[in-house]
């Protein structure tokens, strides 16, 4: 019987070698200062480290890819981790770290600020994806301390913070699409937070299960916020308008702000199944 783990590792090596061959044949990868590309598989570097402007580190069963001057990717601490960092770094920290088992960390964008990081660690099957340039203080995406958590940040940061955190539980997701925004889903299971809206908007879920905090206002000009949690099956949403929605402190609490007005309260038991089915879509 063929060892499944060995087959998977050979597959990862084949992928890495294929990528390496393609990049090595691409004009402009090498410069007068040396390479700016590195692949590490099973703890082995595929390109020379001396003079290399990119750093990749891996353990057995892991793969890390770094592409760019000052790029850094690390896949260590377990098996099946995958880390990719693409972009040039003239700031303090630009890195993608997958530290655990079956975790994925991807950071795409240049960093001229203080910190540009995608981190998936302290758990299994967590995913952290950061796409965008950072010229501000902190652009950080973290998915950790649990199983199946997802944190995604798509957009540039030029301010104090652009962040997405999902963790301290299982099946949590935090997604933000925009500039200088913040989302969090943690301290519970199957929580969901998302912001697609004006600069500096926020959405946070904490201390509960199956809660949602949602801001949808892609054409707005004023920051909005949504907070839910401290209970289960809570919904806070700001839809196509400005405002701050809060649904906390009990189960089945809702606060929805839209151009049609503000609806808030607690769902009666007869509507519980309907909301549960709706929440299952996220």
C-alpha atoms as a PDB file:
ATOM      1  CA  UNK A   1       0.000   0.000   0.000  1.00  0.00           C
ATOM      2  CA  UNK A   2       1.328   3.416  -0.921  1.00  0.00           C
ATOM      3  CA  UNK A   3       1.757   5.728   2.048  1.00  0.00           C
ATOM      4  CA  UNK A   4      -0.767   8.568   1.611  1.00  0.00           C
ATOM      5  CA  UNK A   5       1.329  11.089   3.476  1.00  0.00           C
ATOM      6  CA  UNK A   6       4.350  10.356   1.328  1.00  0.00           C
ATOM      7  CA  UNK A   7       2.252  10.797  -1.831  1.00  0.00           C
ATOM      8  CA  UNK A   8       0.962  14.139  -0.587  1.00  0.00           C
ATOM      9  CA  UNK A   9       4.469  15.302   0.217  1.00  0.00           C
ATOM     10  CA  UNK A  10       5.731  14.256  -3.217  1.00  0.00           C
ATOM     11  CA  UNK A  11       2.837  16.166  -4.748  1.00  0.00           C
ATOM     12  CA  UNK A  12       3.808  19.286  -2.821  1.00  0.00           C
ATOM     13  CA  UNK A  13       7.412  18.908  -3.956  1.00  0.00           C
ATOM     14  CA  UNK A  14       6.277  18.558  -7.575  1.00  0.00           C
ATOM     15  CA  UNK A  15       4.201  21.722  -7.284  1.00  0.00           C
ATOM     16  CA  UNK A  16       7.107  23.610  -5.753  1.00  0.00           C
ATOM     17  CA  UNK A  17       9.529  22.422  -8.402  1.00  0.00           C
ATOM     18  CA  UNK A  18       7.095  23.411 -11.130  1.00  0.00           C
ATOM     19  CA  UNK A  19       6.684  26.895  -9.685  1.00  0.00           C
ATOM     20  CA  UNK A  20      10.411  27.206  -9.197  1.00  0.00           C
ATOM     21  CA  UNK A  21      11.171  26.213 -12.766  1.00  0.00           C
ATOM     22  CA  UNK A  22       8.618  28.670 -14.119  1.00  0.00           C
ATOM     23  CA  UNK A  23       9.920  31.547 -12.025  1.00  0.00           C
ATOM     24  CA  UNK A  24      13.558  30.752 -12.698  1.00  0.00           C
ATOM     25  CA  UNK A  25      12.873  31.042 -16.418  1.00  0.00           C
ATOM     26  CA  UNK A  26      11.028  34.348 -16.033  1.00  0.00           C
ATOM     27  CA  UNK A  27      13.069  37.429 -17.012  1.00  0.00           C
ATOM     28  CA  UNK A  28      13.673  39.880 -14.204  1.00  0.00           C
ATOM     29  CA  UNK A  29      13.514  37.468 -11.275  1.00  0.00           C
ATOM     30  CA  UNK A  30      17.250  37.648 -10.712  1.00  0.00           C
ATOM     31  CA  UNK A  31      18.815  41.063 -10.142  1.00  0.00           C
ATOM     32  CA  UNK A  32      22.267  42.474  -9.577  1.00  0.00           C
ATOM     33  CA  UNK A  33      21.676  42.040  -5.863  1.00  0.00           C
ATOM     34  CA  UNK A  34      20.656  38.398  -6.205  1.00  0.00           C
ATOM     35  CA  UNK A  35      17.415  36.477  -6.236  1.00  0.00           C
ATOM     36  CA  UNK A  36      14.171  37.794  -4.818  1.00  0.00           C
ATOM     37  CA  UNK A  37      12.394  34.419  -4.844  1.00  0.00           C
ATOM     38  CA  UNK A  38      12.522  31.409  -2.550  1.00  0.00           C
ATOM     39  CA  UNK A  39      10.612  28.147  -2.173  1.00  0.00           C
ATOM     40  CA  UNK A  40      11.026  25.891   0.851  1.00  0.00           C
ATOM     41  CA  UNK A  41       9.534  22.372   0.926  1.00  0.00           C
ATOM     42  CA  UNK A  42       9.961  19.833   3.722  1.00  0.00           C
ATOM     43  CA  UNK A  43      12.626  22.092   5.234  1.00  0.00           C
ATOM     44  CA  UNK A  44      14.674  22.308   2.034  1.00  0.00           C
ATOM     45  CA  UNK A  45      15.275  25.527   0.057  1.00  0.00           C
ATOM     46  CA  UNK A  46      15.031  25.228  -3.723  1.00  0.00           C
ATOM     47  CA  UNK A  47      17.081  28.346  -4.405  1.00  0.00           C
ATOM     48  CA  UNK A  48      20.348  29.617  -2.885  1.00  0.00           C
ATOM     49  CA  UNK A  49      19.959  31.552   0.351  1.00  0.00           C
ATOM     50  CA  UNK A  50      23.149  33.596   0.022  1.00  0.00           C
ATOM     51  CA  UNK A  51      22.265  36.982  -1.437  1.00  0.00           C
ATOM     52  CA  UNK A  52      18.601  36.029  -1.688  1.00  0.00           C
ATOM     53  CA  UNK A  53      16.284  38.937  -0.905  1.00  0.00           C
ATOM     54  CA  UNK A  54      13.374  36.633  -0.043  1.00  0.00           C
ATOM     55  CA  UNK A  55      13.120  34.141   2.823  1.00  0.00           C
ATOM     56  CA  UNK A  56      11.044  30.966   3.009  1.00  0.00           C
ATOM     57  CA  UNK A  57      11.035  28.441   5.865  1.00  0.00           C
ATOM     58  CA  UNK A  58       9.227  25.110   6.112  1.00  0.00           C
ATOM     59  CA  UNK A  59       9.032  21.890   8.127  1.00  0.00           C
ATOM     60  CA  UNK A  60       8.360  18.355   6.962  1.00  0.00           C
ATOM     61  CA  UNK A  61       5.115  18.215   5.003  1.00  0.00           C
ATOM     62  CA  UNK A  62       4.899  22.004   4.559  1.00  0.00           C
ATOM     63  CA  UNK A  63       5.533  24.446   1.721  1.00  0.00           C
ATOM     64  CA  UNK A  64       6.479  28.143   1.841  1.00  0.00           C
ATOM     65  CA  UNK A  65       6.900  30.570  -1.060  1.00  0.00           C
ATOM     66  CA  UNK A  66       8.327  34.094  -0.844  1.00  0.00           C
ATOM     67  CA  UNK A  67       8.583  36.423  -3.837  1.00  0.00           C
ATOM     68  CA  UNK A  68       9.879  39.966  -3.452  1.00  0.00           C
ATOM     69  CA  UNK A  69      12.599  42.057  -1.887  1.00  0.00           C
ATOM     70  CA  UNK A  70      12.180  41.464   1.854  1.00  0.00           C
ATOM     71  CA  UNK A  71       9.331  38.966   1.484  1.00  0.00           C
ATOM     72  CA  UNK A  72       9.108  36.279   4.175  1.00  0.00           C
ATOM     73  CA  UNK A  73       6.993  33.102   4.293  1.00  0.00           C
ATOM     74  CA  UNK A  74       7.025  30.477   7.047  1.00  0.00           C
ATOM     75  CA  UNK A  75       5.178  27.144   7.167  1.00  0.00           C
ATOM     76  CA  UNK A  76       6.207  25.325  10.337  1.00  0.00           C
ATOM     77  CA  UNK A  77       4.957  23.670  13.487  1.00  0.00           C
ATOM     78  CA  UNK A  78       2.879  20.912  11.907  1.00  0.00           C
ATOM     79  CA  UNK A  79       2.080  19.282   8.589  1.00  0.00           C
ATOM     80  CA  UNK A  80       0.126  20.402   5.563  1.00  0.00           C
ATOM     81  CA  UNK A  81       0.812  24.103   6.105  1.00  0.00           C
ATOM     82  CA  UNK A  82       1.067  26.481   3.143  1.00  0.00           C
ATOM     83  CA  UNK A  83       2.455  30.025   3.296  1.00  0.00           C
ATOM     84  CA  UNK A  84       2.893  32.559   0.477  1.00  0.00           C
ATOM     85  CA  UNK A  85       4.226  36.110   0.700  1.00  0.00           C
ATOM     86  CA  UNK A  86       4.360  38.159  -2.505  1.00  0.00           C
ATOM     87  CA  UNK A  87       5.486  41.765  -2.422  1.00  0.00           C
ATOM     88  CA  UNK A  88       8.364  44.072  -1.614  1.00  0.00           C
ATOM     89  CA  UNK A  89       9.056  45.177   1.941  1.00  0.00           C
ATOM     90  CA  UNK A  90      10.652  48.500   2.821  1.00  0.00           C
ATOM     91  CA  UNK A  91       8.930  48.646   6.224  1.00  0.00           C
ATOM     92  CA  UNK A  92       9.408  46.739   9.455  1.00  0.00           C
ATOM     93  CA  UNK A  93       7.593  43.426   8.873  1.00  0.00           C
ATOM     94  CA  UNK A  94       6.104  41.769   5.797  1.00  0.00           C
ATOM     95  CA  UNK A  95       5.299  38.097   6.257  1.00  0.00           C
ATOM     96  CA  UNK A  96       2.969  35.155   5.818  1.00  0.00           C
ATOM     97  CA  UNK A  97       3.061  32.546   8.603  1.00  0.00           C
ATOM     98  CA  UNK A  98       1.217  29.219   8.619  1.00  0.00           C
ATOM     99  CA  UNK A  99       2.054  27.629  11.958  1.00  0.00           C
ATOM    100  CA  UNK A 100       0.052  24.561  12.867  1.00  0.00           C
ATOM    101  CA  UNK A 101      -1.464  21.787  10.774  1.00  0.00           C
ATOM    102  CA  UNK A 102      -3.350  22.257   7.543  1.00  0.00           C
ATOM    103  CA  UNK A 103      -3.208  26.044   7.852  1.00  0.00           C
ATOM    104  CA  UNK A 104      -2.896  28.526   4.973  1.00  0.00           C
ATOM    105  CA  UNK A 105      -1.451  32.049   5.100  1.00  0.00           C
ATOM    106  CA  UNK A 106      -1.274  34.283   2.021  1.00  0.00           C
ATOM    107  CA  UNK A 107      -0.034  37.886   1.957  1.00  0.00           C
ATOM    108  CA  UNK A 108      -0.011  39.729  -1.377  1.00  0.00           C
ATOM    109  CA  UNK A 109       1.031  43.368  -1.522  1.00  0.00           C
ATOM    110  CA  UNK A 110       3.879  45.745  -0.835  1.00  0.00           C
ATOM    111  CA  UNK A 111       4.678  47.002   2.650  1.00  0.00           C
ATOM    112  CA  UNK A 112       6.187  50.411   3.317  1.00  0.00           C
ATOM    113  CA  UNK A 113       4.612  50.744   6.770  1.00  0.00           C
ATOM    114  CA  UNK A 114       5.191  49.067  10.089  1.00  0.00           C
ATOM    115  CA  UNK A 115       3.474  45.678   9.849  1.00  0.00           C
ATOM    116  CA  UNK A 116       1.902  43.694   6.993  1.00  0.00           C
ATOM    117  CA  UNK A 117       1.073  40.151   8.129  1.00  0.00           C
ATOM    118  CA  UNK A 118      -1.094  37.142   7.350  1.00  0.00           C
ATOM    119  CA  UNK A 119      -0.979  34.598  10.191  1.00  0.00           C
ATOM    120  CA  UNK A 120      -2.735  31.227  10.499  1.00  0.00           C
ATOM    121  CA  UNK A 121      -1.600  29.321  13.566  1.00  0.00           C
ATOM    122  CA  UNK A 122      -2.411  27.593  16.863  1.00  0.00           C
ATOM    123  CA  UNK A 123      -5.047  25.382  15.290  1.00  0.00           C
ATOM    124  CA  UNK A 124      -6.023  23.271  12.301  1.00  0.00           C
ATOM    125  CA  UNK A 125      -7.476  24.204   8.946  1.00  0.00           C
ATOM    126  CA  UNK A 126      -7.296  27.947   9.525  1.00  0.00           C
ATOM    127  CA  UNK A 127      -6.934  30.404   6.630  1.00  0.00           C
ATOM    128  CA  UNK A 128      -5.574  33.965   6.650  1.00  0.00           C
ATOM    129  CA  UNK A 129      -5.513  35.978   3.412  1.00  0.00           C
ATOM    130  CA  UNK A 130      -4.312  39.584   3.095  1.00  0.00           C
ATOM    131  CA  UNK A 131      -4.424  41.298  -0.309  1.00  0.00           C
ATOM    132  CA  UNK A 132      -3.427  44.940  -0.552  1.00  0.00           C
ATOM    133  CA  UNK A 133      -0.614  47.387   0.045  1.00  0.00           C
ATOM    134  CA  UNK A 134       0.261  48.717   3.489  1.00  0.00           C
ATOM    135  CA  UNK A 135       1.697  52.182   3.976  1.00  0.00           C
ATOM    136  CA  UNK A 136       0.195  52.672   7.435  1.00  0.00           C
ATOM    137  CA  UNK A 137       0.832  51.341  10.901  1.00  0.00           C
ATOM    138  CA  UNK A 138      -0.688  47.859  10.874  1.00  0.00           C
ATOM    139  CA  UNK A 139      -2.278  45.640   8.221  1.00  0.00           C
ATOM    140  CA  UNK A 140      -2.849  42.343  10.004  1.00  0.00           C
ATOM    141  CA  UNK A 141      -4.939  39.259   9.238  1.00  0.00           C
ATOM    142  CA  UNK A 142      -5.043  36.461  11.833  1.00  0.00           C
ATOM    143  CA  UNK A 143      -6.897  33.125  11.924  1.00  0.00           C
ATOM    144  CA  UNK A 144      -5.931  31.022  14.912  1.00  0.00           C
ATOM    145  CA  UNK A 145      -6.712  29.176  18.155  1.00  0.00           C
ATOM    146  CA  UNK A 146      -9.336  26.852  16.756  1.00  0.00           C
ATOM    147  CA  UNK A 147     -10.373  24.852  13.714  1.00  0.00           C
ATOM    148  CA  UNK A 148     -11.674  26.072  10.386  1.00  0.00           C
ATOM    149  CA  UNK A 149     -11.396  29.798  11.071  1.00  0.00           C
ATOM    150  CA  UNK A 150     -11.096  32.214   8.128  1.00  0.00           C
ATOM    151  CA  UNK A 151      -9.822  35.797   8.089  1.00  0.00           C
ATOM    152  CA  UNK A 152      -9.715  37.780   4.832  1.00  0.00           C
ATOM    153  CA  UNK A 153      -8.664  41.387   4.202  1.00  0.00           C
ATOM    154  CA  UNK A 154      -8.878  42.825   0.697  1.00  0.00           C
ATOM    155  CA  UNK A 155      -7.868  46.465   0.444  1.00  0.00           C
ATOM    156  CA  UNK A 156      -5.090  48.915   1.100  1.00  0.00           C
ATOM    157  CA  UNK A 157      -4.161  50.355   4.484  1.00  0.00           C
ATOM    158  CA  UNK A 158      -2.820  53.871   4.874  1.00  0.00           C
ATOM    159  CA  UNK A 159      -4.023  54.538   8.416  1.00  0.00           C
ATOM    160  CA  UNK A 160      -3.538  53.176  11.904  1.00  0.00           C
ATOM    161  CA  UNK A 161      -5.097  49.762  11.365  1.00  0.00           C
ATOM    162  CA  UNK A 162      -6.605  47.480   8.749  1.00  0.00           C
ATOM    163  CA  UNK A 163      -7.385  44.186  10.447  1.00  0.00           C
ATOM    164  CA  UNK A 164      -9.300  40.902  10.256  1.00  0.00           C
ATOM    165  CA  UNK A 165      -9.303  38.451  13.191  1.00  0.00           C
ATOM    166  CA  UNK A 166     -11.051  35.066  13.359  1.00  0.00           C
ATOM    167  CA  UNK A 167     -10.347  32.604  16.133  1.00  0.00           C
ATOM    168  CA  UNK A 168     -10.695  31.529  19.753  1.00  0.00           C
ATOM    169  CA  UNK A 169     -13.306  29.087  18.498  1.00  0.00           C
ATOM    170  CA  UNK A 170     -14.261  27.030  15.473  1.00  0.00           C
ATOM    171  CA  UNK A 171     -15.751  27.902  12.113  1.00  0.00           C
ATOM    172  CA  UNK A 172     -15.510  31.657  12.590  1.00  0.00           C
ATOM    173  CA  UNK A 173     -15.126  34.009   9.607  1.00  0.00           C
ATOM    174  CA  UNK A 174     -14.061  37.661   9.439  1.00  0.00           C
ATOM    175  CA  UNK A 175     -14.005  39.348   6.039  1.00  0.00           C
ATOM    176  CA  UNK A 176     -13.380  42.956   5.089  1.00  0.00           C
ATOM    177  CA  UNK A 177     -13.251  44.530   1.646  1.00  0.00           C
ATOM    178  CA  UNK A 178     -12.200  48.160   1.638  1.00  0.00           C
ATOM    179  CA  UNK A 179      -9.715  50.641   3.034  1.00  0.00           C
ATOM    180  CA  UNK A 180      -8.655  50.937   6.681  1.00  0.00           C
ATOM    181  CA  UNK A 181     -11.416  48.700   8.050  1.00  0.00           C
ATOM    182  CA  UNK A 182     -11.614  46.247  10.951  1.00  0.00           C
ATOM    183  CA  UNK A 183     -13.522  42.969  11.436  1.00  0.00           C
ATOM    184  CA  UNK A 184     -13.443  40.316  14.124  1.00  0.00           C
ATOM    185  CA  UNK A 185     -15.187  37.003  14.872  1.00  0.00           C
ATOM    186  CA  UNK A 186     -13.923  35.245  17.980  1.00  0.00           C
ATOM    187  CA  UNK A 187     -14.664  33.779  21.429  1.00  0.00           C
ATOM    188  CA  UNK A 188     -17.321  31.442  20.047  1.00  0.00           C
ATOM    189  CA  UNK A 189     -18.194  29.110  17.190  1.00  0.00           C
ATOM    190  CA  UNK A 190     -19.627  29.698  13.715  1.00  0.00           C
ATOM    191  CA  UNK A 191     -19.653  33.477  13.999  1.00  0.00           C
ATOM    192  CA  UNK A 192     -19.538  35.738  10.945  1.00  0.00           C
ATOM    193  CA  UNK A 193     -18.451  39.348  10.504  1.00  0.00           C
ATOM    194  CA  UNK A 194     -18.079  41.260   7.266  1.00  0.00           C
ATOM    195  CA  UNK A 195     -17.549  44.842   6.138  1.00  0.00           C
ATOM    196  CA  UNK A 196     -17.992  46.105   2.599  1.00  0.00           C
ATOM    197  CA  UNK A 197     -18.236  49.786   3.192  1.00  0.00           C
ATOM    198  CA  UNK A 198     -16.681  53.181   3.820  1.00  0.00           C
ATOM    199  CA  UNK A 199     -13.234  53.723   5.241  1.00  0.00           C
ATOM    200  CA  UNK A 200     -12.842  52.968   8.975  1.00  0.00           C
ATOM    201  CA  UNK A 201     -16.011  50.861   9.196  1.00  0.00           C
ATOM    202  CA  UNK A 202     -16.044  47.973  11.692  1.00  0.00           C
ATOM    203  CA  UNK A 203     -17.900  44.729  12.391  1.00  0.00           C
ATOM    204  CA  UNK A 204     -17.251  42.558  15.437  1.00  0.00           C
ATOM    205  CA  UNK A 205     -18.728  39.371  16.899  1.00  0.00           C
ATOM    206  CA  UNK A 206     -17.614  38.046  20.267  1.00  0.00           C
ATOM    207  CA  UNK A 207     -18.725  35.842  23.184  1.00  0.00           C
ATOM    208  CA  UNK A 208     -21.428  33.828  21.468  1.00  0.00           C
ATOM    209  CA  UNK A 209     -22.231  31.274  18.773  1.00  0.00           C
ATOM    210  CA  UNK A 210     -23.865  31.678  15.353  1.00  0.00           C
ATOM    211  CA  UNK A 211     -23.819  35.475  15.542  1.00  0.00           C
ATOM    212  CA  UNK A 212     -23.553  37.892  12.612  1.00  0.00           C
ATOM    213  CA  UNK A 213     -22.206  41.447  12.352  1.00  0.00           C
ATOM    214  CA  UNK A 214     -22.548  42.884   8.862  1.00  0.00           C
ATOM    215  CA  UNK A 215     -21.929  46.233   7.170  1.00  0.00           C
ATOM    216  CA  UNK A 216     -22.878  46.604   3.504  1.00  0.00           C
ATOM    217  CA  UNK A 217     -22.514  50.128   2.157  1.00  0.00           C
ATOM    218  CA  UNK A 218     -20.004  50.067  -0.704  1.00  0.00           C
ATOM    219  CA  UNK A 219     -20.880  53.569  -1.927  1.00  0.00           C
ATOM    220  CA  UNK A 220     -21.109  55.264   1.462  1.00  0.00           C
ATOM    221  CA  UNK A 221     -18.877  58.037   2.732  1.00  0.00           C
ATOM    222  CA  UNK A 222     -19.324  57.740   6.516  1.00  0.00           C
ATOM    223  CA  UNK A 223     -17.928  54.922   8.657  1.00  0.00           C
ATOM    224  CA  UNK A 224     -20.511  52.448   9.967  1.00  0.00           C
ATOM    225  CA  UNK A 225     -20.316  49.711  12.591  1.00  0.00           C
ATOM    226  CA  UNK A 226     -22.060  46.499  13.605  1.00  0.00           C
ATOM    227  CA  UNK A 227     -21.606  44.599  16.884  1.00  0.00           C
ATOM    228  CA  UNK A 228     -23.212  41.321  17.936  1.00  0.00           C
ATOM    229  CA  UNK A 229     -22.581  38.647  20.533  1.00  0.00           C
ATOM    230  CA  UNK A 230     -22.804  38.014  24.271  1.00  0.00           C
ATOM    231  CA  UNK A 231     -25.578  35.692  23.161  1.00  0.00           C
ATOM    232  CA  UNK A 232     -26.402  33.238  20.381  1.00  0.00           C
ATOM    233  CA  UNK A 233     -28.022  33.695  16.974  1.00  0.00           C
ATOM    234  CA  UNK A 234     -27.763  37.487  17.133  1.00  0.00           C
ATOM    235  CA  UNK A 235     -27.821  39.721  14.058  1.00  0.00           C
ATOM    236  CA  UNK A 236     -26.475  43.272  13.736  1.00  0.00           C
ATOM    237  CA  UNK A 237     -26.524  44.763  10.244  1.00  0.00           C
ATOM    238  CA  UNK A 238     -26.131  48.126   8.529  1.00  0.00           C
ATOM    239  CA  UNK A 239     -27.401  47.951   4.960  1.00  0.00           C
ATOM    240  CA  UNK A 240     -26.850  50.603   2.278  1.00  0.00           C
ATOM    241  CA  UNK A 241     -26.875  53.485   4.751  1.00  0.00           C
ATOM    242  CA  UNK A 242     -24.816  54.939   7.602  1.00  0.00           C
ATOM    243  CA  UNK A 243     -25.266  53.846  11.189  1.00  0.00           C
ATOM    244  CA  UNK A 244     -24.255  51.688  14.134  1.00  0.00           C
ATOM    245  CA  UNK A 245     -26.140  48.454  14.820  1.00  0.00           C
ATOM    246  CA  UNK A 246     -25.820  46.510  18.089  1.00  0.00           C
ATOM    247  CA  UNK A 247     -27.337  43.117  18.908  1.00  0.00           C
ATOM    248  CA  UNK A 248     -25.886  41.848  22.179  1.00  0.00           C
ATOM    249  CA  UNK A 249     -26.709  40.480  25.612  1.00  0.00           C
ATOM    250  CA  UNK A 250     -29.278  37.774  24.831  1.00  0.00           C
ATOM    251  CA  UNK A 251     -30.246  35.122  22.253  1.00  0.00           C
ATOM    252  CA  UNK A 252     -32.053  35.879  18.986  1.00  0.00           C
ATOM    253  CA  UNK A 253     -31.474  39.640  19.286  1.00  0.00           C
ATOM    254  CA  UNK A 254     -31.519  41.657  16.063  1.00  0.00           C
ATOM    255  CA  UNK A 255     -30.767  45.250  15.074  1.00  0.00           C
ATOM    256  CA  UNK A 256     -30.988  46.082  11.368  1.00  0.00           C
ATOM    257  CA  UNK A 257     -30.431  49.592  10.039  1.00  0.00           C
ATOM    258  CA  UNK A 258     -31.302  50.385   6.434  1.00  0.00           C
ATOM    259  CA  UNK A 259     -32.546  53.262   4.297  1.00  0.00           C
ATOM    260  CA  UNK A 260     -36.052  52.118   5.242  1.00  0.00           C
ATOM    261  CA  UNK A 261     -35.446  52.651   8.949  1.00  0.00           C
ATOM    262  CA  UNK A 262     -34.258  50.785  12.050  1.00  0.00           C
ATOM    263  CA  UNK A 263     -35.717  47.431  13.077  1.00  0.00           C
ATOM    264  CA  UNK A 264     -34.635  45.915  16.379  1.00  0.00           C
ATOM    265  CA  UNK A 265     -35.855  43.521  19.025  1.00  0.00           C
ATOM    266  CA  UNK A 266     -35.822  39.829  19.899  1.00  0.00           C
ATOM    267  CA  UNK A 267     -37.214  37.170  17.622  1.00  0.00           C
ATOM    268  CA  UNK A 268     -39.999  35.047  19.090  1.00  0.00           C
ATOM    269  CA  UNK A 269     -39.545  31.301  19.142  1.00  0.00           C
ATOM    270  CA  UNK A 270     -41.759  30.846  16.082  1.00  0.00           C
ATOM    271  CA  UNK A 271     -39.232  32.709  13.923  1.00  0.00           C
ATOM    272  CA  UNK A 272     -36.189  30.929  15.354  1.00  0.00           C
ATOM    273  CA  UNK A 273     -36.108  28.185  12.734  1.00  0.00           C
ATOM    274  CA  UNK A 274     -36.374  30.695   9.902  1.00  0.00           C
ATOM    275  CA  UNK A 275     -33.408  32.707  11.170  1.00  0.00           C
ATOM    276  CA  UNK A 276     -31.397  29.539  11.829  1.00  0.00           C
ATOM    277  CA  UNK A 277     -31.888  28.486   8.202  1.00  0.00           C
ATOM    278  CA  UNK A 278     -30.811  31.951   7.041  1.00  0.00           C
ATOM    279  CA  UNK A 279     -27.717  31.955   9.236  1.00  0.00           C
ATOM    280  CA  UNK A 280     -26.698  28.562   7.843  1.00  0.00           C
ATOM    281  CA  UNK A 281     -26.118  30.217   4.472  1.00  0.00           C
ATOM    282  CA  UNK A 282     -23.041  32.025   5.832  1.00  0.00           C
END
